[in-house]
Amino acid sequence: MSGIEVERSASGIVTLWLSNPGRLNALSNQMVAGLVAEMTALAGDASCRAVVLRGRQGAFCAGRDLNDLAALQTAPPEEVERMYDLIEGMNRAIYFCPKPVVSVVERVALGIGTMIAGWADIVIAEETAKLGFPEVRHGIAPYGAVPSLLKLMRPRDAADLLLSGRTFDAHEAMRLGLVSRAVPAARLEQELEETLTAILAGKPGALEETKRFLRHCEELGYEDGIALATKNAKAKTGNAELKDGLGAYAGRRK
């Protein structure tokens, strides 16, 4: 058991459920490896239109499984390297996945659980969910969270969250850019359904190209970004998917 349960819908939505019963889905070594394997496979799966990340038993993820983390402190150096390489691979597999990725945060997302949620393209959170980075309280520097948070928010806000180790709710997370939408628990499933319906209305090729370009432009200055946008628009003009989409739109207007 990898601790990752896979659920597929007829419409092409693949839900990856984090499952570590009784531990608020704390992320074990097996779960890290499982997420990397599943996300890597889905990246090249033409039948997958979007990925949903969420946790079983009404919680997202309470951070790293402390048993596995404690065992790592006395593990051979090669095992330590392998584990942290896998965690980096998990970050890359989620963040750079060519499919739209939506995370659904219920009850709690702490430490690496907050980052797994935040690496998604769209983050929908129960408004009472508690998020945070308690690593410093356990003697751990949250190295992996730093580059991710600095992409999303002001350095001063990132420092506040990481140095205090405090928890915060989904509304504050939304204000800081870590969450897309904070909604009442009763509306969570409807919000997810509406989001996925909107994604499925897009053309697969256009969605993947948009994601690729979003990630690429994050590393560019504005001038380079708009120049590349113009170049890509010229190159993509006339492709089959675009013609099909414009033809369907024109037909609806008649």
C-alpha atoms as a PDB file:
ATOM      1  CA  MET A   1       0.000   0.000   0.000  1.00  0.00           C
ATOM      2  CA  SER A   2       1.448   3.359  -1.051  1.00  0.00           C
ATOM      3  CA  GLY A   3      -1.045   5.415   0.935  1.00  0.00           C
ATOM      4  CA  ILE A   4      -2.217   6.980  -2.340  1.00  0.00           C
ATOM      5  CA  GLU A   5      -5.637   5.859  -3.548  1.00  0.00           C
ATOM      6  CA  VAL A   6      -6.549   6.536  -7.175  1.00  0.00           C
ATOM      7  CA  GLU A   7     -10.092   7.281  -8.327  1.00  0.00           C
ATOM      8  CA  ARG A   8     -10.938   7.915 -11.985  1.00  0.00           C
ATOM      9  CA  SER A   9     -14.109   9.463 -13.395  1.00  0.00           C
ATOM     10  CA  ALA A  10     -15.588   8.837 -16.832  1.00  0.00           C
ATOM     11  CA  SER A  11     -14.895  12.487 -17.704  1.00  0.00           C
ATOM     12  CA  GLY A  12     -11.141  12.133 -17.201  1.00  0.00           C
ATOM     13  CA  ILE A  13     -10.797  13.539 -13.679  1.00  0.00           C
ATOM     14  CA  VAL A  14      -8.261  11.581 -11.630  1.00  0.00           C
ATOM     15  CA  THR A  15      -8.439  12.036  -7.850  1.00  0.00           C
ATOM     16  CA  LEU A  16      -5.401  11.093  -5.793  1.00  0.00           C
ATOM     17  CA  TRP A  17      -6.447  10.518  -2.193  1.00  0.00           C
ATOM     18  CA  LEU A  18      -3.841  10.827   0.561  1.00  0.00           C
ATOM     19  CA  SER A  19      -4.615   8.048   3.039  1.00  0.00           C
ATOM     20  CA  ASN A  20      -2.871   7.446   6.347  1.00  0.00           C
ATOM     21  CA  PRO A  21      -5.706   6.418   8.678  1.00  0.00           C
ATOM     22  CA  GLY A  22      -5.613   7.737  12.224  1.00  0.00           C
ATOM     23  CA  ARG A  23      -2.738  10.115  11.474  1.00  0.00           C
ATOM     24  CA  LEU A  24      -4.561  12.893   9.616  1.00  0.00           C
ATOM     25  CA  ASN A  25      -2.924  11.593   6.417  1.00  0.00           C
ATOM     26  CA  ALA A  26       0.570  12.470   7.642  1.00  0.00           C
ATOM     27  CA  LEU A  27       2.903  11.919   4.704  1.00  0.00           C
ATOM     28  CA  SER A  28       4.923   8.703   4.976  1.00  0.00           C
ATOM     29  CA  ASN A  29       7.922   7.785   2.839  1.00  0.00           C
ATOM     30  CA  GLN A  30       5.695   5.363   0.916  1.00  0.00           C
ATOM     31  CA  MET A  31       3.170   8.141   0.242  1.00  0.00           C
ATOM     32  CA  VAL A  32       5.905  10.409  -1.137  1.00  0.00           C
ATOM     33  CA  ALA A  33       7.034   7.665  -3.514  1.00  0.00           C
ATOM     34  CA  GLY A  34       3.418   6.903  -4.427  1.00  0.00           C
ATOM     35  CA  LEU A  35       2.621  10.531  -5.259  1.00  0.00           C
ATOM     36  CA  VAL A  36       5.713  10.829  -7.440  1.00  0.00           C
ATOM     37  CA  ALA A  37       4.804   7.645  -9.313  1.00  0.00           C
ATOM     38  CA  GLU A  38       1.153   8.571  -9.844  1.00  0.00           C
ATOM     39  CA  MET A  39       1.796  12.190 -10.861  1.00  0.00           C
ATOM     40  CA  THR A  40       4.572  11.135 -13.260  1.00  0.00           C
ATOM     41  CA  ALA A  41       2.276   8.589 -14.897  1.00  0.00           C
ATOM     42  CA  LEU A  42      -0.623  11.045 -15.185  1.00  0.00           C
ATOM     43  CA  ALA A  43       1.586  13.645 -16.890  1.00  0.00           C
ATOM     44  CA  GLY A  44       1.720  11.410 -19.952  1.00  0.00           C
ATOM     45  CA  ASP A  45      -1.793   9.949 -19.705  1.00  0.00           C
ATOM     46  CA  ALA A  46      -3.941  11.296 -22.549  1.00  0.00           C
ATOM     47  CA  SER A  47      -7.132  10.095 -20.823  1.00  0.00           C
ATOM     48  CA  CYS A  48      -6.452  12.319 -17.796  1.00  0.00           C
ATOM     49  CA  ARG A  49      -7.959  15.802 -18.143  1.00  0.00           C
ATOM     50  CA  ALA A  50      -7.256  17.081 -14.623  1.00  0.00           C
ATOM     51  CA  VAL A  51      -5.892  15.887 -11.285  1.00  0.00           C
ATOM     52  CA  VAL A  52      -7.487  16.429  -7.871  1.00  0.00           C
ATOM     53  CA  LEU A  53      -5.414  16.096  -4.703  1.00  0.00           C
ATOM     54  CA  ARG A  54      -7.270  15.583  -1.435  1.00  0.00           C
ATOM     55  CA  GLY A  55      -7.185  13.612   1.822  1.00  0.00           C
ATOM     56  CA  ARG A  56      -9.298  10.820   3.252  1.00  0.00           C
ATOM     57  CA  GLN A  57     -11.288  11.077   6.503  1.00  0.00           C
ATOM     58  CA  GLY A  58     -12.088  14.745   6.013  1.00  0.00           C
ATOM     59  CA  ALA A  59      -8.536  16.056   6.421  1.00  0.00           C
ATOM     60  CA  PHE A  60      -5.859  17.000   3.905  1.00  0.00           C
ATOM     61  CA  CYS A  61      -2.425  16.267   5.384  1.00  0.00           C
ATOM     62  CA  ALA A  62      -0.929  16.958   8.817  1.00  0.00           C
ATOM     63  CA  GLY A  63       2.629  17.152   7.472  1.00  0.00           C
ATOM     64  CA  ARG A  64       5.364  14.523   7.442  1.00  0.00           C
ATOM     65  CA  ASP A  65       4.843  11.246   9.279  1.00  0.00           C
ATOM     66  CA  LEU A  66       7.044  11.863  12.343  1.00  0.00           C
ATOM     67  CA  ASN A  67       7.894   8.164  12.676  1.00  0.00           C
ATOM     68  CA  ASP A  68       9.458   8.137   9.215  1.00  0.00           C
ATOM     69  CA  LEU A  69      11.108  11.489   9.833  1.00  0.00           C
ATOM     70  CA  ALA A  70      12.637  10.242  13.097  1.00  0.00           C
ATOM     71  CA  ALA A  71      13.921   7.080  11.411  1.00  0.00           C
ATOM     72  CA  LEU A  72      15.565   9.206   8.739  1.00  0.00           C
ATOM     73  CA  GLN A  73      17.762  10.900  11.371  1.00  0.00           C
ATOM     74  CA  THR A  74      19.778   7.699  11.839  1.00  0.00           C
ATOM     75  CA  ALA A  75      19.486   6.348   8.288  1.00  0.00           C
ATOM     76  CA  PRO A  76      22.538   5.847   6.042  1.00  0.00           C
ATOM     77  CA  PRO A  77      23.497   8.956   4.043  1.00  0.00           C
ATOM     78  CA  GLU A  78      22.407   7.366   0.757  1.00  0.00           C
ATOM     79  CA  GLU A  79      18.918   6.771   2.154  1.00  0.00           C
ATOM     80  CA  VAL A  80      18.685  10.385   3.336  1.00  0.00           C
ATOM     81  CA  GLU A  81      19.708  11.597  -0.121  1.00  0.00           C
ATOM     82  CA  ARG A  82      17.226   9.285  -1.835  1.00  0.00           C
ATOM     83  CA  MET A  83      14.366  10.472   0.376  1.00  0.00           C
ATOM     84  CA  TYR A  84      14.986  14.171  -0.124  1.00  0.00           C
ATOM     85  CA  ASP A  85      15.461  13.666  -3.850  1.00  0.00           C
ATOM     86  CA  LEU A  86      12.038  11.977  -3.864  1.00  0.00           C
ATOM     87  CA  ILE A  87      10.486  14.928  -2.023  1.00  0.00           C
ATOM     88  CA  GLU A  88      11.974  17.312  -4.586  1.00  0.00           C
ATOM     89  CA  GLY A  89      10.625  15.013  -7.298  1.00  0.00           C
ATOM     90  CA  MET A  90       7.167  15.203  -5.701  1.00  0.00           C
ATOM     91  CA  ASN A  91       7.332  19.008  -5.756  1.00  0.00           C
ATOM     92  CA  ARG A  92       8.310  19.025  -9.438  1.00  0.00           C
ATOM     93  CA  ALA A  93       5.775  16.335 -10.418  1.00  0.00           C
ATOM     94  CA  ILE A  94       2.881  18.327  -8.950  1.00  0.00           C
ATOM     95  CA  TYR A  95       3.998  21.860  -9.812  1.00  0.00           C
ATOM     96  CA  PHE A  96       5.083  21.101 -13.380  1.00  0.00           C
ATOM     97  CA  CYS A  97       2.361  18.568 -14.176  1.00  0.00           C
ATOM     98  CA  PRO A  98       1.010  19.449 -17.654  1.00  0.00           C
ATOM     99  CA  LYS A  99      -2.549  18.700 -16.495  1.00  0.00           C
ATOM    100  CA  PRO A 100      -4.525  21.184 -14.392  1.00  0.00           C
ATOM    101  CA  VAL A 101      -4.109  20.237 -10.719  1.00  0.00           C
ATOM    102  CA  VAL A 102      -6.710  21.158  -8.092  1.00  0.00           C
ATOM    103  CA  SER A 103      -6.183  20.589  -4.376  1.00  0.00           C
ATOM    104  CA  VAL A 104      -9.028  20.392  -1.865  1.00  0.00           C
ATOM    105  CA  VAL A 105      -8.076  21.307   1.711  1.00  0.00           C
ATOM    106  CA  GLU A 106     -10.247  20.138   4.568  1.00  0.00           C
ATOM    107  CA  ARG A 107      -9.621  20.466   8.305  1.00  0.00           C
ATOM    108  CA  VAL A 108      -5.819  20.640   8.316  1.00  0.00           C
ATOM    109  CA  ALA A 109      -2.788  21.105   6.053  1.00  0.00           C
ATOM    110  CA  LEU A 110       0.496  21.491   7.887  1.00  0.00           C
ATOM    111  CA  GLY A 111       4.122  21.663   6.806  1.00  0.00           C
ATOM    112  CA  ILE A 112       4.648  19.646   3.668  1.00  0.00           C
ATOM    113  CA  GLY A 113       0.867  19.139   3.560  1.00  0.00           C
ATOM    114  CA  THR A 114       0.447  22.883   3.052  1.00  0.00           C
ATOM    115  CA  MET A 115       3.034  22.810   0.280  1.00  0.00           C
ATOM    116  CA  ILE A 116       1.445  19.833  -1.528  1.00  0.00           C
ATOM    117  CA  ALA A 117      -1.806  21.803  -1.574  1.00  0.00           C
ATOM    118  CA  GLY A 118      -0.005  24.979  -2.631  1.00  0.00           C
ATOM    119  CA  TRP A 119       1.841  23.350  -5.541  1.00  0.00           C
ATOM    120  CA  ALA A 120      -1.524  22.810  -7.245  1.00  0.00           C
ATOM    121  CA  ASP A 121      -2.795  25.329  -9.806  1.00  0.00           C
ATOM    122  CA  ILE A 122      -6.064  25.909  -7.958  1.00  0.00           C
ATOM    123  CA  VAL A 123      -6.474  25.474  -4.197  1.00  0.00           C
ATOM    124  CA  ILE A 124      -9.993  25.204  -2.776  1.00  0.00           C
ATOM    125  CA  ALA A 125     -10.096  25.218   1.015  1.00  0.00           C
ATOM    126  CA  GLU A 126     -12.731  24.789   3.672  1.00  0.00           C
ATOM    127  CA  GLU A 127     -12.780  28.225   5.308  1.00  0.00           C
ATOM    128  CA  THR A 128     -12.177  26.794   8.802  1.00  0.00           C
ATOM    129  CA  ALA A 129      -9.220  24.653   7.698  1.00  0.00           C
ATOM    130  CA  LYS A 130      -6.005  25.228   9.616  1.00  0.00           C
ATOM    131  CA  LEU A 131      -2.775  25.650   7.670  1.00  0.00           C
ATOM    132  CA  GLY A 132       0.736  26.312   8.890  1.00  0.00           C
ATOM    133  CA  PHE A 133       4.448  25.565   8.923  1.00  0.00           C
ATOM    134  CA  PRO A 134       5.295  24.245  12.412  1.00  0.00           C
ATOM    135  CA  GLU A 135       8.700  22.848  11.394  1.00  0.00           C
ATOM    136  CA  VAL A 136      10.799  25.302  13.449  1.00  0.00           C
ATOM    137  CA  ARG A 137       8.970  24.133  16.588  1.00  0.00           C
ATOM    138  CA  HIS A 138      10.332  20.632  15.896  1.00  0.00           C
ATOM    139  CA  GLY A 139      13.884  21.844  15.265  1.00  0.00           C
ATOM    140  CA  ILE A 140      13.553  21.669  11.486  1.00  0.00           C
ATOM    141  CA  ALA A 141      14.344  24.450   9.013  1.00  0.00           C
ATOM    142  CA  PRO A 142      11.562  24.380   6.376  1.00  0.00           C
ATOM    143  CA  TYR A 143      13.903  24.585   3.401  1.00  0.00           C
ATOM    144  CA  GLY A 144      11.398  23.279   0.864  1.00  0.00           C
ATOM    145  CA  ALA A 145       8.748  25.826   1.789  1.00  0.00           C
ATOM    146  CA  VAL A 146      10.971  28.872   1.263  1.00  0.00           C
ATOM    147  CA  PRO A 147      11.214  28.984  -2.571  1.00  0.00           C
ATOM    148  CA  SER A 148       7.546  28.076  -2.943  1.00  0.00           C
ATOM    149  CA  LEU A 149       6.286  30.749  -0.561  1.00  0.00           C
ATOM    150  CA  LEU A 150       8.532  33.417  -2.047  1.00  0.00           C
ATOM    151  CA  LYS A 151       6.836  32.806  -5.402  1.00  0.00           C
ATOM    152  CA  LEU A 152       3.421  33.365  -3.859  1.00  0.00           C
ATOM    153  CA  MET A 153       3.801  36.197  -1.359  1.00  0.00           C
ATOM    154  CA  ARG A 154       5.936  39.008   0.011  1.00  0.00           C
ATOM    155  CA  PRO A 155       9.150  37.913   1.754  1.00  0.00           C
ATOM    156  CA  ARG A 156       7.882  39.583   4.937  1.00  0.00           C
ATOM    157  CA  ASP A 157       4.697  37.467   4.905  1.00  0.00           C
ATOM    158  CA  ALA A 158       6.679  34.283   4.206  1.00  0.00           C
ATOM    159  CA  ALA A 159       8.995  35.103   7.120  1.00  0.00           C
ATOM    160  CA  ASP A 160       6.003  35.630   9.422  1.00  0.00           C
ATOM    161  CA  LEU A 161       4.568  32.195   8.605  1.00  0.00           C
ATOM    162  CA  LEU A 162       7.849  30.263   8.650  1.00  0.00           C
ATOM    163  CA  LEU A 163       9.522  31.859  11.672  1.00  0.00           C
ATOM    164  CA  SER A 164       6.460  31.902  13.926  1.00  0.00           C
ATOM    165  CA  GLY A 165       5.265  28.404  13.067  1.00  0.00           C
ATOM    166  CA  ARG A 166       1.737  29.632  13.763  1.00  0.00           C
ATOM    167  CA  THR A 167      -1.411  28.216  12.210  1.00  0.00           C
ATOM    168  CA  PHE A 168      -3.727  30.358  10.100  1.00  0.00           C
ATOM    169  CA  ASP A 169      -7.099  29.880   8.484  1.00  0.00           C
ATOM    170  CA  ALA A 170      -8.042  29.579   4.824  1.00  0.00           C
ATOM    171  CA  HIS A 171      -9.156  33.210   4.547  1.00  0.00           C
ATOM    172  CA  GLU A 172      -5.699  34.435   5.571  1.00  0.00           C
ATOM    173  CA  ALA A 173      -4.142  31.862   3.244  1.00  0.00           C
ATOM    174  CA  MET A 174      -6.268  33.245   0.408  1.00  0.00           C
ATOM    175  CA  ARG A 175      -5.220  36.824   1.195  1.00  0.00           C
ATOM    176  CA  LEU A 176      -1.573  35.745   1.064  1.00  0.00           C
ATOM    177  CA  GLY A 177      -1.963  33.902  -2.236  1.00  0.00           C
ATOM    178  CA  LEU A 178      -1.624  30.362  -0.897  1.00  0.00           C
ATOM    179  CA  VAL A 179      -5.297  29.477  -1.429  1.00  0.00           C
ATOM    180  CA  SER A 180      -7.492  30.310  -4.444  1.00  0.00           C
ATOM    181  CA  ARG A 181     -10.889  30.130  -2.738  1.00  0.00           C
ATOM    182  CA  ALA A 182     -12.000  29.705   0.880  1.00  0.00           C
ATOM    183  CA  VAL A 183     -15.557  28.387   1.123  1.00  0.00           C
ATOM    184  CA  PRO A 184     -17.937  27.051   3.794  1.00  0.00           C
ATOM    185  CA  ALA A 185     -17.669  23.301   4.329  1.00  0.00           C
ATOM    186  CA  ALA A 186     -21.192  22.820   2.994  1.00  0.00           C
ATOM    187  CA  ARG A 187     -20.159  24.370  -0.327  1.00  0.00           C
ATOM    188  CA  LEU A 188     -16.827  22.581  -0.785  1.00  0.00           C
ATOM    189  CA  GLU A 189     -18.000  19.773  -3.079  1.00  0.00           C
ATOM    190  CA  GLN A 190     -20.080  22.124  -5.222  1.00  0.00           C
ATOM    191  CA  GLU A 191     -17.121  24.494  -5.580  1.00  0.00           C
ATOM    192  CA  LEU A 192     -14.938  21.606  -6.675  1.00  0.00           C
ATOM    193  CA  GLU A 193     -17.535  20.370  -9.162  1.00  0.00           C
ATOM    194  CA  GLU A 194     -17.965  23.834 -10.686  1.00  0.00           C
ATOM    195  CA  THR A 195     -14.197  24.283 -10.953  1.00  0.00           C
ATOM    196  CA  LEU A 196     -13.736  20.926 -12.691  1.00  0.00           C
ATOM    197  CA  THR A 197     -16.654  21.615 -15.042  1.00  0.00           C
ATOM    198  CA  ALA A 198     -14.993  24.875 -16.058  1.00  0.00           C
ATOM    199  CA  ILE A 199     -11.654  23.129 -16.645  1.00  0.00           C
ATOM    200  CA  LEU A 200     -13.276  20.391 -18.739  1.00  0.00           C
ATOM    201  CA  ALA A 201     -14.806  23.075 -20.958  1.00  0.00           C
ATOM    202  CA  GLY A 202     -11.278  23.959 -22.086  1.00  0.00           C
ATOM    203  CA  LYS A 203      -9.463  22.175 -24.898  1.00  0.00           C
ATOM    204  CA  PRO A 204      -6.771  19.752 -23.609  1.00  0.00           C
ATOM    205  CA  GLY A 205      -4.001  21.150 -25.800  1.00  0.00           C
ATOM    206  CA  ALA A 206      -4.808  24.749 -24.898  1.00  0.00           C
ATOM    207  CA  LEU A 207      -4.867  23.906 -21.185  1.00  0.00           C
ATOM    208  CA  GLU A 208      -1.487  22.167 -21.317  1.00  0.00           C
ATOM    209  CA  GLU A 209       0.056  24.978 -23.346  1.00  0.00           C
ATOM    210  CA  THR A 210      -1.326  27.569 -20.917  1.00  0.00           C
ATOM    211  CA  LYS A 211       0.170  25.709 -17.954  1.00  0.00           C
ATOM    212  CA  ARG A 212       3.526  25.353 -19.674  1.00  0.00           C
ATOM    213  CA  PHE A 213       3.590  29.043 -20.526  1.00  0.00           C
ATOM    214  CA  LEU A 214       2.523  30.074 -17.015  1.00  0.00           C
ATOM    215  CA  ARG A 215       5.451  28.189 -15.523  1.00  0.00           C
ATOM    216  CA  HIS A 216       7.879  29.493 -18.139  1.00  0.00           C
ATOM    217  CA  CYS A 217       6.845  33.127 -17.718  1.00  0.00           C
ATOM    218  CA  GLU A 218       7.312  32.976 -13.955  1.00  0.00           C
ATOM    219  CA  GLU A 219      11.041  33.001 -14.651  1.00  0.00           C
ATOM    220  CA  LEU A 220      10.967  35.833 -17.206  1.00  0.00           C
ATOM    221  CA  GLY A 221      10.800  39.598 -16.927  1.00  0.00           C
ATOM    222  CA  TYR A 222       7.673  41.274 -18.304  1.00  0.00           C
ATOM    223  CA  GLU A 223       9.261  42.404 -21.574  1.00  0.00           C
ATOM    224  CA  ASP A 224      10.657  38.944 -22.333  1.00  0.00           C
ATOM    225  CA  GLY A 225       7.308  37.424 -21.393  1.00  0.00           C
ATOM    226  CA  ILE A 226       5.213  39.495 -23.777  1.00  0.00           C
ATOM    227  CA  ALA A 227       7.733  38.990 -26.600  1.00  0.00           C
ATOM    228  CA  LEU A 228       7.561  35.222 -26.123  1.00  0.00           C
ATOM    229  CA  ALA A 229       3.760  35.373 -25.908  1.00  0.00           C
ATOM    230  CA  THR A 230       3.627  37.048 -29.318  1.00  0.00           C
ATOM    231  CA  LYS A 231       6.033  34.493 -30.797  1.00  0.00           C
ATOM    232  CA  ASN A 232       3.996  31.565 -29.461  1.00  0.00           C
ATOM    233  CA  ALA A 233       0.679  33.034 -30.615  1.00  0.00           C
ATOM    234  CA  LYS A 234       2.056  33.336 -34.149  1.00  0.00           C
ATOM    235  CA  ALA A 235       3.375  29.764 -34.099  1.00  0.00           C
ATOM    236  CA  LYS A 236       0.119  28.277 -32.798  1.00  0.00           C
ATOM    237  CA  THR A 237      -2.162  30.074 -35.243  1.00  0.00           C
ATOM    238  CA  GLY A 238      -3.896  27.577 -37.498  1.00  0.00           C
ATOM    239  CA  ASN A 239      -3.482  24.481 -35.312  1.00  0.00           C
ATOM    240  CA  ALA A 240      -6.332  21.956 -35.409  1.00  0.00           C
ATOM    241  CA  GLU A 241      -7.571  22.493 -31.879  1.00  0.00           C
ATOM    242  CA  LEU A 242      -7.771  26.244 -32.332  1.00  0.00           C
ATOM    243  CA  LYS A 243      -9.643  25.903 -35.617  1.00  0.00           C
ATOM    244  CA  ASP A 244     -12.074  23.464 -34.022  1.00  0.00           C
ATOM    245  CA  GLY A 245     -12.684  25.737 -31.030  1.00  0.00           C
ATOM    246  CA  LEU A 246     -13.218  28.842 -33.160  1.00  0.00           C
ATOM    247  CA  GLY A 247     -15.499  26.920 -35.518  1.00  0.00           C
ATOM    248  CA  ALA A 248     -17.661  25.716 -32.638  1.00  0.00           C
ATOM    249  CA  TYR A 249     -17.840  29.252 -31.215  1.00  0.00           C
ATOM    250  CA  ALA A 250     -18.806  30.712 -34.570  1.00  0.00           C
ATOM    251  CA  GLY A 251     -21.521  28.076 -34.934  1.00  0.00           C
ATOM    252  CA  ARG A 252     -23.041  29.041 -31.565  1.00  0.00           C
ATOM    253  CA  ARG A 253     -23.179  32.718 -32.566  1.00  0.00           C
ATOM    254  CA  LYS A 254     -25.201  32.053 -35.709  1.00  0.00           C
END
